[in-house]
Amino acid sequence: MQGNSTSTVLGRRLGGELIKLRTEAGLTQLDAAKALTASTTKVAKMERGWVPMRDPDIRALCELYGVSDPAVVGGLLELARVDRGRRKAKGWWNDFPDLGEMQEYVALESVATSIRTWQLSYVPGLLQTPDYLRALAQGASMRDHPDKGEKLVAARVARQRRLCEEPVLALWAVIHESVLRQQVGGREVMRAQLAHLCHVAEEPHVTIQVLPFTAGAHVGMGGAFNIISFAEPGAMDLVYTEIALGQLWVEGGDEAAQHQKLFECISRSALTEPESRSFINVLREEV
């Protein structure tokens, strides 16, 4: 999703915010076009995320829409900055066409400042060991295509550099107990995976919590999701959810805010960080 002919997730996110602000101000695309001394076609492309946006245009539209809150304006400018960089960049992920639609997520992950993830089915990708991922690949009908599985392992290892290379990515993962008890790859693979979680959890920029079975019914039972942030205090968050046959992006501000509240509720129901590390260590010995 590069160049000016297609939309990007960040571009659509930015355009959606501008549409919301314009609508709340009771203005039309023609009003916006006049303020920018541009055509309505250009405004339409900007609002649909088809073209990168310049800072002067964003500032002019914010002034037209009566938006003076520095946090809002700054968030829009940050989204635009990251989106421009994404469109120009040729990252390592371009060497892995097998990633498919995941390329967009990985590209955003590479420029994010923080990710909060809630997982019900498997260990978050940034925390998976190679053997764990190989076992997942085999379980996903790649048993007859080992080369493809190894390419995915190589791509995952490349992704995980975000946790150790500057600027490091802040990761907060809440993982359901069922994920840790599911013997993906067998006992040895899971023992190594649990040990890896304990090791990574010692990093100051990584938070790992476990939601145990004893938590009972909880607000996170509806499904897993990732919240991607690009600045602190930040540009508006994006929410990414994997579904059975694809991916789903939540690009609206209100829905992203609701996912943030949902994540906070899930984390409050989970064990604390020290409790979670102890829990994983005990489970590793059991395995």
Protein backbone atom coordinates (compact mmCIF):
# COMPACT_ATOMS: atom_id res chain seq x y z
CA MET A 1 0.00 0.00 0.00
CA GLN A 2 2.47 2.55 -1.15
CA GLY A 3 2.34 5.44 -3.52
CA ASN A 4 -0.56 7.82 -4.05
CA SER A 5 -3.00 5.54 -5.89
CA THR A 6 -4.20 3.46 -2.95
CA SER A 7 -5.31 4.18 0.57
CA THR A 8 -3.40 3.19 3.68
CA VAL A 9 -4.73 2.30 7.11
CA LEU A 10 -3.17 5.43 8.59
CA GLY A 11 -4.40 7.56 5.69
CA ARG A 12 -7.96 6.33 6.17
CA ARG A 13 -7.64 6.86 9.92
CA LEU A 14 -6.54 10.45 9.36
CA GLY A 15 -9.17 11.06 6.71
CA GLY A 16 -11.88 9.69 8.96
CA GLU A 17 -10.93 12.14 11.70
CA LEU A 18 -11.04 15.04 9.25
CA ILE A 19 -14.45 13.98 7.94
CA LYS A 20 -15.74 13.85 11.50
CA LEU A 21 -14.38 17.33 12.29
CA ARG A 22 -15.75 18.78 9.05
CA THR A 23 -19.18 17.26 9.65
CA GLU A 24 -19.29 18.54 13.22
CA ALA A 25 -18.44 22.02 11.90
CA GLY A 26 -21.35 21.81 9.43
CA LEU A 27 -19.08 22.31 6.42
CA THR A 28 -18.81 20.63 3.01
CA GLN A 29 -15.93 19.34 0.93
CA LEU A 30 -16.34 22.48 -1.18
CA ASP A 31 -15.73 24.64 1.91
CA ALA A 32 -12.58 22.64 2.65
CA ALA A 33 -11.43 22.92 -0.95
CA LYS A 34 -11.78 26.70 -0.87
CA ALA A 35 -9.74 26.93 2.34
CA LEU A 36 -6.95 24.91 0.72
CA THR A 37 -7.28 26.60 -2.69
CA ALA A 38 -7.73 23.12 -4.09
CA SER A 39 -10.35 21.01 -5.87
CA THR A 40 -13.04 18.99 -4.15
CA THR A 41 -11.44 15.96 -5.82
CA LYS A 42 -8.27 16.54 -3.83
CA VAL A 43 -10.23 16.91 -0.60
CA ALA A 44 -12.09 13.68 -1.35
CA LYS A 45 -8.80 11.86 -1.92
CA MET A 46 -7.40 13.24 1.32
CA GLU A 47 -10.47 12.16 3.29
CA ARG A 48 -10.34 8.67 1.79
CA GLY A 49 -6.65 8.26 2.58
CA TRP A 50 -5.60 8.05 -1.06
CA VAL A 51 -2.92 10.73 -0.86
CA PRO A 52 -0.43 11.79 1.83
CA MET A 53 -1.36 14.97 3.66
CA ARG A 54 0.85 18.01 4.17
CA ASP A 55 1.12 19.68 7.57
CA PRO A 56 0.01 23.11 6.25
CA ASP A 57 -3.17 21.54 4.84
CA ILE A 58 -3.97 19.87 8.16
CA ARG A 59 -3.40 23.10 10.08
CA ALA A 60 -5.57 25.03 7.61
CA LEU A 61 -8.40 22.52 7.91
CA CYS A 62 -8.19 22.50 11.70
CA GLU A 63 -8.48 26.28 11.71
CA LEU A 64 -11.44 26.13 9.33
CA TYR A 65 -13.16 23.51 11.49
CA GLY A 66 -12.56 25.48 14.68
CA VAL A 67 -10.19 22.91 16.17
CA SER A 68 -7.68 24.56 18.51
CA ASP A 69 -6.91 21.78 21.00
CA PRO A 70 -3.13 21.18 20.66
CA ALA A 71 -3.58 17.49 21.47
CA VAL A 72 -6.05 16.99 18.62
CA VAL A 73 -4.03 19.00 16.11
CA GLY A 74 -0.81 17.33 17.22
CA GLY A 75 -2.37 13.89 16.91
CA LEU A 76 -3.46 14.58 13.34
CA LEU A 77 -0.03 15.93 12.43
CA GLU A 78 1.62 12.85 13.94
CA LEU A 79 -0.63 10.50 11.99
CA ALA A 80 0.20 12.37 8.79
CA ARG A 81 3.93 12.26 9.52
CA VAL A 82 3.93 8.52 10.13
CA ASP A 83 1.73 7.91 7.09
CA ARG A 84 4.07 9.87 4.82
CA GLY A 85 6.99 7.88 6.12
CA ARG A 86 5.12 4.61 5.56
CA ARG A 87 4.36 5.45 1.94
CA LYS A 88 7.99 6.27 1.18
CA ALA A 89 9.62 3.46 3.11
CA LYS A 90 10.74 0.14 1.69
CA GLY A 91 11.00 -2.01 4.78
CA TRP A 92 12.25 -5.53 5.33
CA TRP A 93 8.67 -6.79 5.11
CA ASN A 94 8.67 -6.15 1.34
CA ASP A 95 11.04 -9.11 1.04
CA PHE A 96 8.36 -11.41 2.47
CA PRO A 97 5.41 -11.48 0.01
CA ASP A 98 4.03 -14.52 1.85
CA LEU A 99 2.97 -12.16 4.65
CA GLY A 100 0.10 -11.05 2.42
CA GLU A 101 -2.26 -8.68 4.19
CA MET A 102 -0.08 -8.89 7.30
CA GLN A 103 2.45 -6.65 5.51
CA GLU A 104 0.37 -3.59 6.35
CA TYR A 105 0.20 -4.54 10.03
CA VAL A 106 3.92 -5.28 10.22
CA ALA A 107 4.74 -1.98 8.51
CA LEU A 108 2.65 -0.10 11.07
CA GLU A 109 4.21 -2.10 13.89
CA SER A 110 7.63 -0.98 12.67
CA VAL A 111 6.78 2.70 13.26
CA ALA A 112 4.55 2.34 16.33
CA THR A 113 5.64 3.53 19.75
CA SER A 114 3.53 1.04 21.72
CA ILE A 115 1.30 -1.98 21.25
CA ARG A 116 -1.22 -3.38 23.70
CA THR A 117 -2.39 -6.87 22.87
CA TRP A 118 -5.00 -9.21 24.34
CA GLN A 119 -4.68 -12.84 23.24
CA LEU A 120 -7.00 -15.79 23.73
CA SER A 121 -5.56 -18.34 21.29
CA TYR A 122 -1.79 -18.04 21.01
CA VAL A 123 1.28 -16.26 22.30
CA PRO A 124 1.59 -12.77 20.74
CA GLY A 125 3.76 -12.79 17.62
CA LEU A 126 6.42 -10.51 19.09
CA LEU A 127 6.92 -13.02 21.93
CA GLN A 128 6.89 -16.31 20.01
CA THR A 129 9.93 -18.57 19.80
CA PRO A 130 10.85 -19.95 16.35
CA ASP A 131 9.85 -23.51 17.32
CA TYR A 132 6.49 -22.32 18.63
CA LEU A 133 5.85 -20.50 15.34
CA ARG A 134 6.91 -23.56 13.33
CA ALA A 135 4.36 -25.61 15.25
CA LEU A 136 1.68 -22.98 14.58
CA ALA A 137 2.56 -23.05 10.88
CA GLN A 138 2.19 -26.82 10.78
CA GLY A 139 -1.15 -26.56 12.52
CA ALA A 140 -2.24 -24.02 9.89
CA SER A 141 -1.90 -26.59 7.05
CA MET A 142 1.69 -25.62 6.14
CA ARG A 143 3.04 -29.05 7.02
CA ASP A 144 3.52 -29.83 3.32
CA HIS A 145 5.20 -26.46 2.66
CA PRO A 146 8.16 -26.27 5.07
CA ASP A 147 9.86 -23.54 3.02
CA LYS A 148 6.90 -21.23 3.51
CA GLY A 149 6.93 -21.96 7.23
CA GLU A 150 10.61 -21.07 7.49
CA LYS A 151 10.00 -17.81 5.65
CA LEU A 152 7.36 -16.94 8.21
CA VAL A 153 9.83 -17.75 11.00
CA ALA A 154 12.41 -15.44 9.41
CA ALA A 155 9.82 -12.68 9.10
CA ARG A 156 8.75 -13.11 12.74
CA VAL A 157 12.36 -12.92 13.95
CA ALA A 158 12.78 -9.71 11.94
CA ARG A 159 9.63 -8.30 13.56
CA GLN A 160 10.94 -9.05 17.02
CA ARG A 161 13.91 -6.72 16.52
CA ARG A 162 11.47 -3.93 17.44
CA LEU A 163 11.79 -5.10 21.03
CA CYS A 164 15.55 -4.62 21.18
CA GLU A 165 16.52 -1.98 18.61
CA GLU A 166 16.18 1.74 19.25
CA PRO A 167 13.66 3.18 19.49
CA VAL A 168 12.31 0.16 21.32
CA LEU A 169 8.65 -0.70 21.10
CA ALA A 170 6.68 -0.67 24.34
CA LEU A 171 4.70 -3.91 24.49
CA TRP A 172 1.92 -4.70 26.96
CA ALA A 173 0.49 -8.19 26.53
CA VAL A 174 -2.34 -9.79 28.45
CA ILE A 175 -2.50 -13.52 27.71
CA HIS A 176 -5.21 -15.95 28.74
CA GLU A 177 -4.12 -19.00 30.73
CA SER A 178 -5.48 -21.33 28.02
CA VAL A 179 -2.79 -20.00 25.64
CA LEU A 180 -0.05 -21.09 28.04
CA ARG A 181 -1.55 -24.53 28.63
CA GLN A 182 -2.15 -25.31 24.95
CA GLN A 183 0.78 -27.56 24.04
CA VAL A 184 1.69 -26.08 20.69
CA GLY A 185 4.55 -28.21 19.38
CA GLY A 186 4.62 -30.44 22.45
CA ARG A 187 6.06 -30.22 25.94
CA GLU A 188 9.63 -29.17 25.06
CA VAL A 189 8.51 -26.43 22.70
CA MET A 190 6.09 -25.07 25.29
CA ARG A 191 8.66 -25.26 28.08
CA ALA A 192 11.05 -23.17 25.97
CA GLN A 193 8.25 -20.76 25.04
CA LEU A 194 7.27 -20.22 28.66
CA ALA A 195 10.91 -19.68 29.61
CA HIS A 196 11.18 -17.09 26.85
CA LEU A 197 8.14 -15.24 28.18
CA CYS A 198 9.72 -15.10 31.64
CA HIS A 199 12.96 -13.79 30.16
CA VAL A 200 11.35 -11.09 27.99
CA ALA A 201 9.09 -10.01 30.86
CA GLU A 202 12.20 -8.76 32.67
CA GLU A 203 12.67 -6.03 30.06
CA PRO A 204 11.48 -2.62 31.32
CA HIS A 205 9.54 -1.87 28.13
CA VAL A 206 7.66 -5.21 28.14
CA THR A 207 4.65 -5.91 30.35
CA ILE A 208 3.21 -9.43 30.44
CA GLN A 209 0.11 -10.36 32.42
CA VAL A 210 -1.80 -13.62 32.62
CA LEU A 211 -5.57 -13.80 32.89
CA PRO A 212 -6.15 -17.07 34.78
CA PHE A 213 -9.07 -19.46 34.47
CA THR A 214 -10.05 -18.44 38.00
CA ALA A 215 -11.01 -14.99 36.68
CA GLY A 216 -14.20 -16.62 35.46
CA ALA A 217 -16.41 -14.71 33.02
CA HIS A 218 -14.66 -11.55 31.82
CA VAL A 219 -15.09 -8.69 29.37
CA GLY A 220 -12.42 -10.01 26.99
CA MET A 221 -14.30 -13.16 26.01
CA GLY A 222 -15.53 -11.51 22.81
CA GLY A 223 -12.17 -11.87 21.06
CA ALA A 224 -8.52 -10.87 20.82
CA PHE A 225 -7.23 -7.54 19.52
CA ASN A 226 -4.16 -5.31 19.24
CA ILE A 227 -4.10 -1.56 19.91
CA ILE A 228 -1.37 0.25 17.97
CA SER A 229 -0.20 3.70 19.09
CA PHE A 230 2.16 6.06 17.32
CA ALA A 231 2.94 8.79 19.84
CA GLU A 232 2.78 9.55 23.55
CA PRO A 233 0.58 11.45 24.09
CA GLY A 234 -0.42 10.11 20.76
CA ALA A 235 -1.89 10.21 17.44
CA MET A 236 -5.19 8.41 17.49
CA ASP A 237 -4.88 4.67 18.04
CA LEU A 238 -5.61 1.92 15.54
CA VAL A 239 -7.11 -1.43 16.52
CA TYR A 240 -6.26 -4.63 14.66
CA THR A 241 -8.19 -7.87 14.97
CA GLU A 242 -7.55 -11.18 13.25
CA ILE A 243 -10.64 -13.06 12.12
CA ALA A 244 -10.96 -16.56 10.70
CA LEU A 245 -10.19 -15.66 7.09
CA GLY A 246 -8.61 -12.25 7.29
CA GLN A 247 -8.05 -9.10 9.31
CA LEU A 248 -10.22 -6.29 10.59
CA TRP A 249 -9.12 -2.71 11.26
CA VAL A 250 -10.93 -0.36 13.62
CA GLU A 251 -10.07 3.12 12.38
CA GLY A 252 -12.68 5.19 14.17
CA GLY A 253 -11.74 7.23 17.21
CA ASP A 254 -14.71 6.22 19.39
CA GLU A 255 -14.30 2.51 18.70
CA ALA A 256 -10.56 2.70 19.33
CA ALA A 257 -11.26 4.45 22.63
CA GLN A 258 -13.73 1.70 23.57
CA HIS A 259 -11.07 -0.94 22.90
CA GLN A 260 -8.67 0.98 25.12
CA LYS A 261 -11.21 0.87 27.98
CA LEU A 262 -11.81 -2.80 27.27
CA PHE A 263 -8.08 -3.53 27.46
CA GLU A 264 -7.83 -1.68 30.77
CA CYS A 265 -10.69 -3.78 32.19
CA ILE A 266 -9.03 -7.00 31.02
CA SER A 267 -5.68 -6.01 32.52
CA ARG A 268 -7.32 -5.20 35.85
CA SER A 269 -8.83 -8.69 35.91
CA ALA A 270 -5.45 -10.29 35.16
CA LEU A 271 -2.67 -11.20 37.56
CA THR A 272 -0.12 -8.48 38.31
CA GLU A 273 3.25 -8.59 36.56
CA PRO A 274 5.08 -10.30 39.46
CA GLU A 275 2.19 -12.72 39.93
CA SER A 276 2.16 -13.45 36.20
CA ARG A 277 5.89 -14.21 36.12
CA SER A 278 5.50 -16.57 39.07
CA PHE A 279 2.50 -18.20 37.43
CA ILE A 280 4.40 -18.79 34.18
CA ASN A 281 7.39 -20.17 36.04
CA VAL A 282 5.25 -22.63 37.98
CA LEU A 283 3.47 -23.69 34.78
CA ARG A 284 6.85 -24.18 33.07
CA GLU A 285 7.87 -26.60 35.80
CA GLU A 286 4.56 -28.44 35.43
CA VAL A 287 5.09 -28.80 31.70
